Amino acid sequence: AFYSYGITRKRKHPAKHFSNEAIFFLGVLSTATAITFFGEA
């Protein structure tokens, strides 16, 4: 969801570089958490 929203927002507002990258960072954190739970599984 974070990555999809970030991609859509980047296409609509390419000049808002920092906020777009911040959204991708939230996707990075979520991915890291998902990988951690995958490791537990």
All heavy atoms as atom14 arrays in JSON, in Angstrom:
{
  "sequence": "AFYSYGITRKRKHPAKHFSNEAIFFLGVLSTATAITFFGEA",
  "atom14_mask": [
    [1, 1, 1, 1, 1, 0, 0, 0, 0, 0, 0, 0, 0, 0],
    [1, 1, 1, 1, 1, 1, 1, 1, 1, 1, 1, 0, 0, 0],
    [1, 1, 1, 1, 1, 1, 1, 1, 1, 1, 1, 1, 0, 0],
    [1, 1, 1, 1, 1, 1, 0, 0, 0, 0, 0, 0, 0, 0],
    [1, 1, 1, 1, 1, 1, 1, 1, 1, 1, 1, 1, 0, 0],
    [1, 1, 1, 1, 0, 0, 0, 0, 0, 0, 0, 0, 0, 0],
    [1, 1, 1, 1, 1, 1, 1, 1, 0, 0, 0, 0, 0, 0],
    [1, 1, 1, 1, 1, 1, 1, 0, 0, 0, 0, 0, 0, 0],
    [1, 1, 1, 1, 1, 1, 1, 1, 1, 1, 1, 0, 0, 0],
    [1, 1, 1, 1, 1, 1, 1, 1, 1, 0, 0, 0, 0, 0],
    [1, 1, 1, 1, 1, 1, 1, 1, 1, 1, 1, 0, 0, 0],
    [1, 1, 1, 1, 1, 1, 1, 1, 1, 0, 0, 0, 0, 0],
    [1, 1, 1, 1, 1, 1, 1, 1, 1, 1, 0, 0, 0, 0],
    [1, 1, 1, 1, 1, 1, 1, 0, 0, 0, 0, 0, 0, 0],
    [1, 1, 1, 1, 1, 0, 0, 0, 0, 0, 0, 0, 0, 0],
    [1, 1, 1, 1, 1, 1, 1, 1, 1, 0, 0, 0, 0, 0],
    [1, 1, 1, 1, 1, 1, 1, 1, 1, 1, 0, 0, 0, 0],
    [1, 1, 1, 1, 1, 1, 1, 1, 1, 1, 1, 0, 0, 0],
    [1, 1, 1, 1, 1, 1, 0, 0, 0, 0, 0, 0, 0, 0],
    [1, 1, 1, 1, 1, 1, 1, 1, 0, 0, 0, 0, 0, 0],
    [1, 1, 1, 1, 1, 1, 1, 1, 1, 0, 0, 0, 0, 0],
    [1, 1, 1, 1, 1, 0, 0, 0, 0, 0, 0, 0, 0, 0],
    [1, 1, 1, 1, 1, 1, 1, 1, 0, 0, 0, 0, 0, 0],
    [1, 1, 1, 1, 1, 1, 1, 1, 1, 1, 1, 0, 0, 0],
    [1, 1, 1, 1, 1, 1, 1, 1, 1, 1, 1, 0, 0, 0],
    [1, 1, 1, 1, 1, 1, 1, 1, 0, 0, 0, 0, 0, 0],
    [1, 1, 1, 1, 0, 0, 0, 0, 0, 0, 0, 0, 0, 0],
    [1, 1, 1, 1, 1, 1, 1, 0, 0, 0, 0, 0, 0, 0],
    [1, 1, 1, 1, 1, 1, 1, 1, 0, 0, 0, 0, 0, 0],
    [1, 1, 1, 1, 1, 1, 0, 0, 0, 0, 0, 0, 0, 0],
    [1, 1, 1, 1, 1, 1, 1, 0, 0, 0, 0, 0, 0, 0],
    [1, 1, 1, 1, 1, 0, 0, 0, 0, 0, 0, 0, 0, 0],
    [1, 1, 1, 1, 1, 1, 1, 0, 0, 0, 0, 0, 0, 0],
    [1, 1, 1, 1, 1, 0, 0, 0, 0, 0, 0, 0, 0, 0],
    [1, 1, 1, 1, 1, 1, 1, 1, 0, 0, 0, 0, 0, 0],
    [1, 1, 1, 1, 1, 1, 1, 0, 0, 0, 0, 0, 0, 0],
    [1, 1, 1, 1, 1, 1, 1, 1, 1, 1, 1, 0, 0, 0],
    [1, 1, 1, 1, 1, 1, 1, 1, 1, 1, 1, 0, 0, 0],
    [1, 1, 1, 1, 0, 0, 0, 0, 0, 0, 0, 0, 0, 0],
    [1, 1, 1, 1, 1, 1, 1, 1, 1, 0, 0, 0, 0, 0],
    [1, 1, 1, 1, 1, 0, 0, 0, 0, 0, 0, 0, 0, 0]
  ],
  "atom14_positions": [
    [[0.83, -1.21, 0.0], [0.0, 0.0, 0.0], [0.87, 1.26, 0.0], [0.59, 2.22, -0.74], [-0.93, -0.01, 1.21], [0.0, 0.0, 0.0], [0.0, 0.0, 0.0], [0.0, 0.0, 0.0], [0.0, 0.0, 0.0], [0.0, 0.0, 0.0], [0.0, 0.0, 0.0], [0.0, 0.0, 0.0], [0.0, 0.0, 0.0], [0.0, 0.0, 0.0]],
    [[1.91, 1.27, 0.83], [2.82, 2.43, 0.87], [3.52, 2.61, -0.46], [3.6, 3.74, -0.98], [3.86, 2.26, 1.99], [3.37, 2.67, 3.34], [3.46, 1.8, 4.42], [2.84, 3.93, 3.56], [3.02, 2.18, 5.68], [2.39, 4.32, 4.81], [2.47, 3.43, 5.88], [0.0, 0.0, 0.0], [0.0, 0.0, 0.0], [0.0, 0.0, 0.0]],
    [[4.04, 1.52, -1.03], [4.74, 1.62, -2.31], [3.79, 2.1, -3.42], [4.17, 2.96, -4.24], [5.35, 0.27, -2.7], [6.5, -0.16, -1.83], [6.58, -1.48, -1.35], [7.52, 0.72, -1.49], [7.65, -1.88, -0.56], [8.58, 0.33, -0.7], [8.63, -0.99, -0.23], [9.68, -1.39, 0.56], [0.0, 0.0, 0.0], [0.0, 0.0, 0.0]],
    [[2.58, 1.57, -3.45], [1.61, 1.95, -4.48], [1.25, 3.43, -4.37], [1.2, 4.15, -5.38], [0.35, 1.1, -4.37], [0.65, -0.28, -4.52], [0.0, 0.0, 0.0], [0.0, 0.0, 0.0], [0.0, 0.0, 0.0], [0.0, 0.0, 0.0], [0.0, 0.0, 0.0], [0.0, 0.0, 0.0], [0.0, 0.0, 0.0], [0.0, 0.0, 0.0]],
    [[1.02, 3.86, -3.12], [0.68, 5.27, -2.91], [1.87, 6.17, -3.29], [1.68, 7.23, -3.9], [0.3, 5.49, -1.45], [0.01, 6.93, -1.1], [-0.99, 7.64, -1.76], [0.74, 7.59, -0.12], [-1.25, 8.97, -1.46], [0.49, 8.91, 0.19], [-0.51, 9.6, -0.48], [-0.76, 10.91, -0.17], [0.0, 0.0, 0.0], [0.0, 0.0, 0.0]],
    [[3.07, 5.72, -2.94], [4.26, 6.5, -3.28], [4.46, 6.63, -4.77], [4.8, 7.71, -5.28], [0.0, 0.0, 0.0], [0.0, 0.0, 0.0], [0.0, 0.0, 0.0], [0.0, 0.0, 0.0], [0.0, 0.0, 0.0], [0.0, 0.0, 0.0], [0.0, 0.0, 0.0], [0.0, 0.0, 0.0], [0.0, 0.0, 0.0], [0.0, 0.0, 0.0]],
    [[4.24, 5.53, -5.52], [4.4, 5.56, -6.98], [3.36, 6.49, -7.6], [3.68, 7.32, -8.47], [4.26, 4.14, -7.55], [5.44, 3.27, -7.1], [4.2, 4.18, -9.07], [5.27, 1.8, -7.45], [0.0, 0.0, 0.0], [0.0, 0.0, 0.0], [0.0, 0.0, 0.0], [0.0, 0.0, 0.0], [0.0, 0.0, 0.0], [0.0, 0.0, 0.0]],
    [[2.1, 6.37, -7.16], [1.03, 7.22, -7.69], [1.32, 8.69, -7.41], [1.17, 9.55, -8.29], [-0.31, 6.82, -7.08], [-0.56, 5.43, -7.33], [-1.45, 7.65, -7.67], [0.0, 0.0, 0.0], [0.0, 0.0, 0.0], [0.0, 0.0, 0.0], [0.0, 0.0, 0.0], [0.0, 0.0, 0.0], [0.0, 0.0, 0.0], [0.0, 0.0, 0.0]],
    [[1.74, 8.96, -6.18], [2.01, 10.34, -5.79], [3.22, 10.91, -6.55], [3.25, 12.09, -6.9], [2.27, 10.4, -4.28], [2.2, 11.8, -3.69], [2.27, 11.7, -2.17], [2.05, 13.01, -1.57], [3.02, 13.9, -1.38], [4.25, 13.62, -1.77], [2.75, 15.06, -0.81], [0.0, 0.0, 0.0], [0.0, 0.0, 0.0], [0.0, 0.0, 0.0]],
    [[4.21, 10.06, -6.8], [5.4, 10.5, -7.52], [5.07, 10.87, -8.96], [5.63, 11.83, -9.51], [6.47, 9.4, -7.49], [7.81, 9.81, -8.08], [8.84, 8.73, -7.89], [10.19, 9.18, -8.43], [11.24, 8.16, -8.23], [0.0, 0.0, 0.0], [0.0, 0.0, 0.0], [0.0, 0.0, 0.0], [0.0, 0.0, 0.0], [0.0, 0.0, 0.0]],
    [[4.14, 10.14, -9.57], [3.73, 10.45, -10.93], [2.92, 11.74, -11.01], [3.06, 12.52, -11.96], [2.91, 9.3, -11.51], [3.75, 8.05, -11.8], [2.87, 6.87, -12.15], [3.66, 5.68, -12.43], [3.15, 4.46, -12.55], [1.83, 4.28, -12.43], [3.94, 3.42, -12.79], [0.0, 0.0, 0.0], [0.0, 0.0, 0.0], [0.0, 0.0, 0.0]],
    [[2.09, 11.98, -9.98], [1.26, 13.19, -9.97], [2.06, 14.41, -9.52], [1.85, 15.51, -10.04], [0.06, 12.98, -9.04], [-0.96, 11.99, -9.56], [-2.15, 11.89, -8.6], [-3.21, 10.94, -9.13], [-4.37, 10.82, -8.21], [0.0, 0.0, 0.0], [0.0, 0.0, 0.0], [0.0, 0.0, 0.0], [0.0, 0.0, 0.0], [0.0, 0.0, 0.0]],
    [[2.95, 14.22, -8.54], [3.71, 15.34, -7.97], [5.2, 15.0, -7.95], [5.78, 14.77, -6.88], [3.22, 15.67, -6.56], [1.74, 15.85, -6.44], [1.09, 16.97, -6.91], [0.78, 15.03, -5.92], [-0.21, 16.85, -6.67], [-0.43, 15.69, -6.08], [0.0, 0.0, 0.0], [0.0, 0.0, 0.0], [0.0, 0.0, 0.0], [0.0, 0.0, 0.0]],
    [[5.85, 14.93, -9.11], [7.27, 14.56, -9.14], [8.18, 15.57, -8.44], [9.28, 15.21, -8.0], [7.58, 14.49, -10.64], [6.54, 15.35, -11.28], [5.31, 15.2, -10.44], [0.0, 0.0, 0.0], [0.0, 0.0, 0.0], [0.0, 0.0, 0.0], [0.0, 0.0, 0.0], [0.0, 0.0, 0.0], [0.0, 0.0, 0.0], [0.0, 0.0, 0.0]],
    [[7.72, 16.82, -8.3], [8.55, 17.84, -7.67], [8.64, 17.65, -6.15], [9.58, 18.13, -5.51], [8.02, 19.23, -7.98], [0.0, 0.0, 0.0], [0.0, 0.0, 0.0], [0.0, 0.0, 0.0], [0.0, 0.0, 0.0], [0.0, 0.0, 0.0], [0.0, 0.0, 0.0], [0.0, 0.0, 0.0], [0.0, 0.0, 0.0], [0.0, 0.0, 0.0]],
    [[7.65, 16.96, -5.56], [7.65, 16.74, -4.11], [8.52, 15.53, -3.77], [8.06, 14.48, -3.33], [6.22, 16.55, -3.61], [5.35, 17.78, -3.81], [3.94, 17.59, -3.26], [3.1, 18.84, -3.43], [1.73, 18.66, -2.91], [0.0, 0.0, 0.0], [0.0, 0.0, 0.0], [0.0, 0.0, 0.0], [0.0, 0.0, 0.0], [0.0, 0.0, 0.0]],
    [[9.81, 15.72, -4.0], [10.77, 14.61, -3.92], [10.88, 14.05, -2.51], [10.83, 12.83, -2.3], [12.14, 15.09, -4.41], [13.23, 14.1, -4.23], [13.35, 12.97, -5.01], [14.25, 14.06, -3.34], [14.41, 12.28, -4.63], [14.97, 12.91, -3.62], [0.0, 0.0, 0.0], [0.0, 0.0, 0.0], [0.0, 0.0, 0.0], [0.0, 0.0, 0.0]],
    [[11.03, 14.94, -1.52], [11.31, 14.48, -0.16], [10.13, 13.76, 0.46], [10.3, 12.72, 1.11], [11.74, 15.67, 0.71], [12.99, 16.34, 0.23], [12.98, 17.68, -0.11], [14.17, 15.63, 0.09], [14.12, 18.3, -0.57], [15.32, 16.24, -0.37], [15.29, 17.59, -0.7], [0.0, 0.0, 0.0], [0.0, 0.0, 0.0], [0.0, 0.0, 0.0]],
    [[8.92, 14.28, 0.26], [7.74, 13.61, 0.83], [7.49, 12.28, 0.13], [7.07, 11.3, 0.76], [6.51, 14.52, 0.72], [6.28, 14.9, -0.62], [0.0, 0.0, 0.0], [0.0, 0.0, 0.0], [0.0, 0.0, 0.0], [0.0, 0.0, 0.0], [0.0, 0.0, 0.0], [0.0, 0.0, 0.0], [0.0, 0.0, 0.0], [0.0, 0.0, 0.0]],
    [[7.76, 12.21, -1.18], [7.6, 10.94, -1.89], [8.58, 9.89, -1.36], [8.22, 8.73, -1.15], [7.83, 11.14, -3.4], [6.76, 11.99, -4.05], [5.63, 12.05, -3.56], [7.09, 12.64, -5.15], [0.0, 0.0, 0.0], [0.0, 0.0, 0.0], [0.0, 0.0, 0.0], [0.0, 0.0, 0.0], [0.0, 0.0, 0.0], [0.0, 0.0, 0.0]],
    [[9.82, 10.31, -1.14], [10.82, 9.39, -0.62], [10.49, 8.96, 0.81], [10.76, 7.82, 1.21], [12.21, 10.03, -0.66], [12.77, 10.22, -2.06], [13.11, 8.91, -2.75], [14.21, 8.38, -2.53], [12.25, 8.41, -3.51], [0.0, 0.0, 0.0], [0.0, 0.0, 0.0], [0.0, 0.0, 0.0], [0.0, 0.0, 0.0], [0.0, 0.0, 0.0]],
    [[9.89, 9.87, 1.59], [9.5, 9.52, 2.96], [8.42, 8.44, 2.95], [8.43, 7.54, 3.81], [8.99, 10.77, 3.69], [0.0, 0.0, 0.0], [0.0, 0.0, 0.0], [0.0, 0.0, 0.0], [0.0, 0.0, 0.0], [0.0, 0.0, 0.0], [0.0, 0.0, 0.0], [0.0, 0.0, 0.0], [0.0, 0.0, 0.0], [0.0, 0.0, 0.0]],
    [[7.51, 8.5, 2.0], [6.48, 7.46, 1.88], [7.12, 6.13, 1.51], [6.76, 5.07, 2.06], [5.42, 7.86, 0.83], [4.63, 9.08, 1.33], [4.47, 6.71, 0.54], [3.76, 9.72, 0.28], [0.0, 0.0, 0.0], [0.0, 0.0, 0.0], [0.0, 0.0, 0.0], [0.0, 0.0, 0.0], [0.0, 0.0, 0.0], [0.0, 0.0, 0.0]],
    [[8.08, 6.16, 0.59], [8.8, 4.93, 0.24], [9.54, 4.37, 1.45], [9.65, 3.15, 1.61], [9.79, 5.2, -0.89], [9.16, 5.36, -2.24], [9.6, 6.32, -3.14], [8.11, 4.54, -2.63], [9.01, 6.46, -4.38], [7.51, 4.67, -3.87], [7.96, 5.65, -4.74], [0.0, 0.0, 0.0], [0.0, 0.0, 0.0], [0.0, 0.0, 0.0]],
    [[10.04, 5.26, 2.31], [10.74, 4.8, 3.51], [9.8, 4.04, 4.44], [10.19, 3.04, 5.06], [11.36, 5.98, 4.25], [12.0, 5.6, 5.56], [13.21, 4.93, 5.6], [11.37, 5.89, 6.76], [13.79, 4.56, 6.79], [11.94, 5.53, 7.97], [13.15, 4.86, 7.98], [0.0, 0.0, 0.0], [0.0, 0.0, 0.0], [0.0, 0.0, 0.0]],
    [[8.55, 4.51, 4.55], [7.57, 3.77, 5.35], [7.33, 2.39, 4.75], [7.14, 1.4, 5.48], [6.26, 4.56, 5.42], [6.33, 5.91, 6.15], [4.98, 6.62, 6.06], [6.73, 5.72, 7.61], [0.0, 0.0, 0.0], [0.0, 0.0, 0.0], [0.0, 0.0, 0.0], [0.0, 0.0, 0.0], [0.0, 0.0, 0.0], [0.0, 0.0, 0.0]],
    [[7.37, 2.3, 3.43], [7.27, 1.0, 2.78], [8.48, 0.12, 3.09], [8.34, -1.09, 3.28], [0.0, 0.0, 0.0], [0.0, 0.0, 0.0], [0.0, 0.0, 0.0], [0.0, 0.0, 0.0], [0.0, 0.0, 0.0], [0.0, 0.0, 0.0], [0.0, 0.0, 0.0], [0.0, 0.0, 0.0], [0.0, 0.0, 0.0], [0.0, 0.0, 0.0]],
    [[9.66, 0.75, 3.18], [10.88, 0.02, 3.54], [10.75, -0.58, 4.94], [11.08, -1.75, 5.18], [12.11, 0.93, 3.45], [13.33, 0.29, 4.11], [12.43, 1.25, 1.99], [0.0, 0.0, 0.0], [0.0, 0.0, 0.0], [0.0, 0.0, 0.0], [0.0, 0.0, 0.0], [0.0, 0.0, 0.0], [0.0, 0.0, 0.0], [0.0, 0.0, 0.0]],
    [[10.27, 0.23, 5.9], [10.08, -0.26, 7.27], [9.07, -1.41, 7.31], [9.3, -2.42, 8.0], [9.61, 0.88, 8.18], [10.64, 1.91, 8.61], [9.99, 2.93, 9.54], [11.82, 1.26, 9.33], [0.0, 0.0, 0.0], [0.0, 0.0, 0.0], [0.0, 0.0, 0.0], [0.0, 0.0, 0.0], [0.0, 0.0, 0.0], [0.0, 0.0, 0.0]],
    [[7.99, -1.26, 6.58], [6.97, -2.31, 6.55], [7.52, -3.59, 5.93], [7.23, -4.7, 6.4], [5.74, -1.84, 5.76], [5.21, -0.64, 6.3], [0.0, 0.0, 0.0], [0.0, 0.0, 0.0], [0.0, 0.0, 0.0], [0.0, 0.0, 0.0], [0.0, 0.0, 0.0], [0.0, 0.0, 0.0], [0.0, 0.0, 0.0], [0.0, 0.0, 0.0]],
    [[8.32, -3.44, 4.89], [8.94, -4.61, 4.25], [9.88, -5.31, 5.21], [9.89, -6.56, 5.29], [9.71, -4.19, 2.99], [8.83, -3.49, 2.1], [10.29, -5.4, 2.28], [0.0, 0.0, 0.0], [0.0, 0.0, 0.0], [0.0, 0.0, 0.0], [0.0, 0.0, 0.0], [0.0, 0.0, 0.0], [0.0, 0.0, 0.0], [0.0, 0.0, 0.0]],
    [[10.69, -4.53, 5.93], [11.62, -5.12, 6.91], [10.86, -5.9, 7.98], [11.28, -7.0, 8.39], [12.46, -4.02, 7.54], [0.0, 0.0, 0.0], [0.0, 0.0, 0.0], [0.0, 0.0, 0.0], [0.0, 0.0, 0.0], [0.0, 0.0, 0.0], [0.0, 0.0, 0.0], [0.0, 0.0, 0.0], [0.0, 0.0, 0.0], [0.0, 0.0, 0.0]],
    [[9.72, -5.34, 8.43], [8.92, -6.03, 9.44], [8.32, -7.32, 8.87], [8.3, -8.36, 9.54], [7.77, -5.11, 9.93], [8.32, -3.85, 10.34], [7.04, -5.73, 11.1], [0.0, 0.0, 0.0], [0.0, 0.0, 0.0], [0.0, 0.0, 0.0], [0.0, 0.0, 0.0], [0.0, 0.0, 0.0], [0.0, 0.0, 0.0], [0.0, 0.0, 0.0]],
    [[7.85, -7.26, 7.63], [7.28, -8.45, 6.97], [8.34, -9.53, 6.82], [8.07, -10.73, 7.06], [6.72, -8.07, 5.61], [0.0, 0.0, 0.0], [0.0, 0.0, 0.0], [0.0, 0.0, 0.0], [0.0, 0.0, 0.0], [0.0, 0.0, 0.0], [0.0, 0.0, 0.0], [0.0, 0.0, 0.0], [0.0, 0.0, 0.0], [0.0, 0.0, 0.0]],
    [[9.56, -9.15, 6.47], [10.65, -10.12, 6.33], [11.0, -10.73, 7.68], [11.3, -11.93, 7.79], [11.88, -9.46, 5.68], [11.58, -9.1, 4.22], [13.1, -10.38, 5.75], [12.67, -8.31, 3.54], [0.0, 0.0, 0.0], [0.0, 0.0, 0.0], [0.0, 0.0, 0.0], [0.0, 0.0, 0.0], [0.0, 0.0, 0.0], [0.0, 0.0, 0.0]],
    [[10.95, -9.92, 8.75], [11.21, -10.44, 10.1], [10.19, -11.5, 10.49], [10.55, -12.58, 10.99], [11.18, -9.28, 11.12], [12.16, -8.3, 10.75], [11.49, -9.8, 12.52], [0.0, 0.0, 0.0], [0.0, 0.0, 0.0], [0.0, 0.0, 0.0], [0.0, 0.0, 0.0], [0.0, 0.0, 0.0], [0.0, 0.0, 0.0], [0.0, 0.0, 0.0]],
    [[8.92, -11.22, 10.24], [7.87, -12.21, 10.54], [7.99, -13.45, 9.65], [7.71, -14.56, 10.08], [6.48, -11.58, 10.39], [6.13, -10.62, 11.48], [5.57, -9.37, 11.2], [6.35, -10.95, 12.81], [5.24, -8.49, 12.21], [6.02, -10.07, 13.84], [5.47, -8.84, 13.54], [0.0, 0.0, 0.0], [0.0, 0.0, 0.0], [0.0, 0.0, 0.0]],
    [[8.43, -13.23, 8.41], [8.66, -14.37, 7.51], [9.76, -15.27, 8.07], [9.67, -16.5, 8.02], [9.04, -13.86, 6.12], [9.42, -14.95, 5.15], [8.45, -15.76, 4.59], [10.75, -15.17, 4.82], [8.8, -16.78, 3.7], [11.11, -16.18, 3.93], [10.13, -16.98, 3.38], [0.0, 0.0, 0.0], [0.0, 0.0, 0.0], [0.0, 0.0, 0.0]],
    [[10.8, -14.64, 8.62], [11.87, -15.41, 9.24], [11.38, -16.23, 10.42], [11.81, -17.38, 10.61], [0.0, 0.0, 0.0], [0.0, 0.0, 0.0], [0.0, 0.0, 0.0], [0.0, 0.0, 0.0], [0.0, 0.0, 0.0], [0.0, 0.0, 0.0], [0.0, 0.0, 0.0], [0.0, 0.0, 0.0], [0.0, 0.0, 0.0], [0.0, 0.0, 0.0]],
    [[10.47, -15.63, 11.22], [9.9, -16.37, 12.35], [9.06, -17.55, 11.86], [9.07, -18.63, 12.47], [9.05, -15.43, 13.21], [9.83, -14.37, 13.96], [8.92, -13.51, 14.82], [7.72, -13.85, 14.94], [9.39, -12.5, 15.37], [0.0, 0.0, 0.0], [0.0, 0.0, 0.0], [0.0, 0.0, 0.0], [0.0, 0.0, 0.0], [0.0, 0.0, 0.0]],
    [[8.36, -17.35, 10.75], [7.47, -18.4, 10.25], [8.24, -19.61, 9.71], [7.79, -20.75, 9.85], [6.56, -17.83, 9.15], [0.0, 0.0, 0.0], [0.0, 0.0, 0.0], [0.0, 0.0, 0.0], [0.0, 0.0, 0.0], [0.0, 0.0, 0.0], [0.0, 0.0, 0.0], [0.0, 0.0, 0.0], [0.0, 0.0, 0.0], [0.0, 0.0, 0.0]]
  ]
}
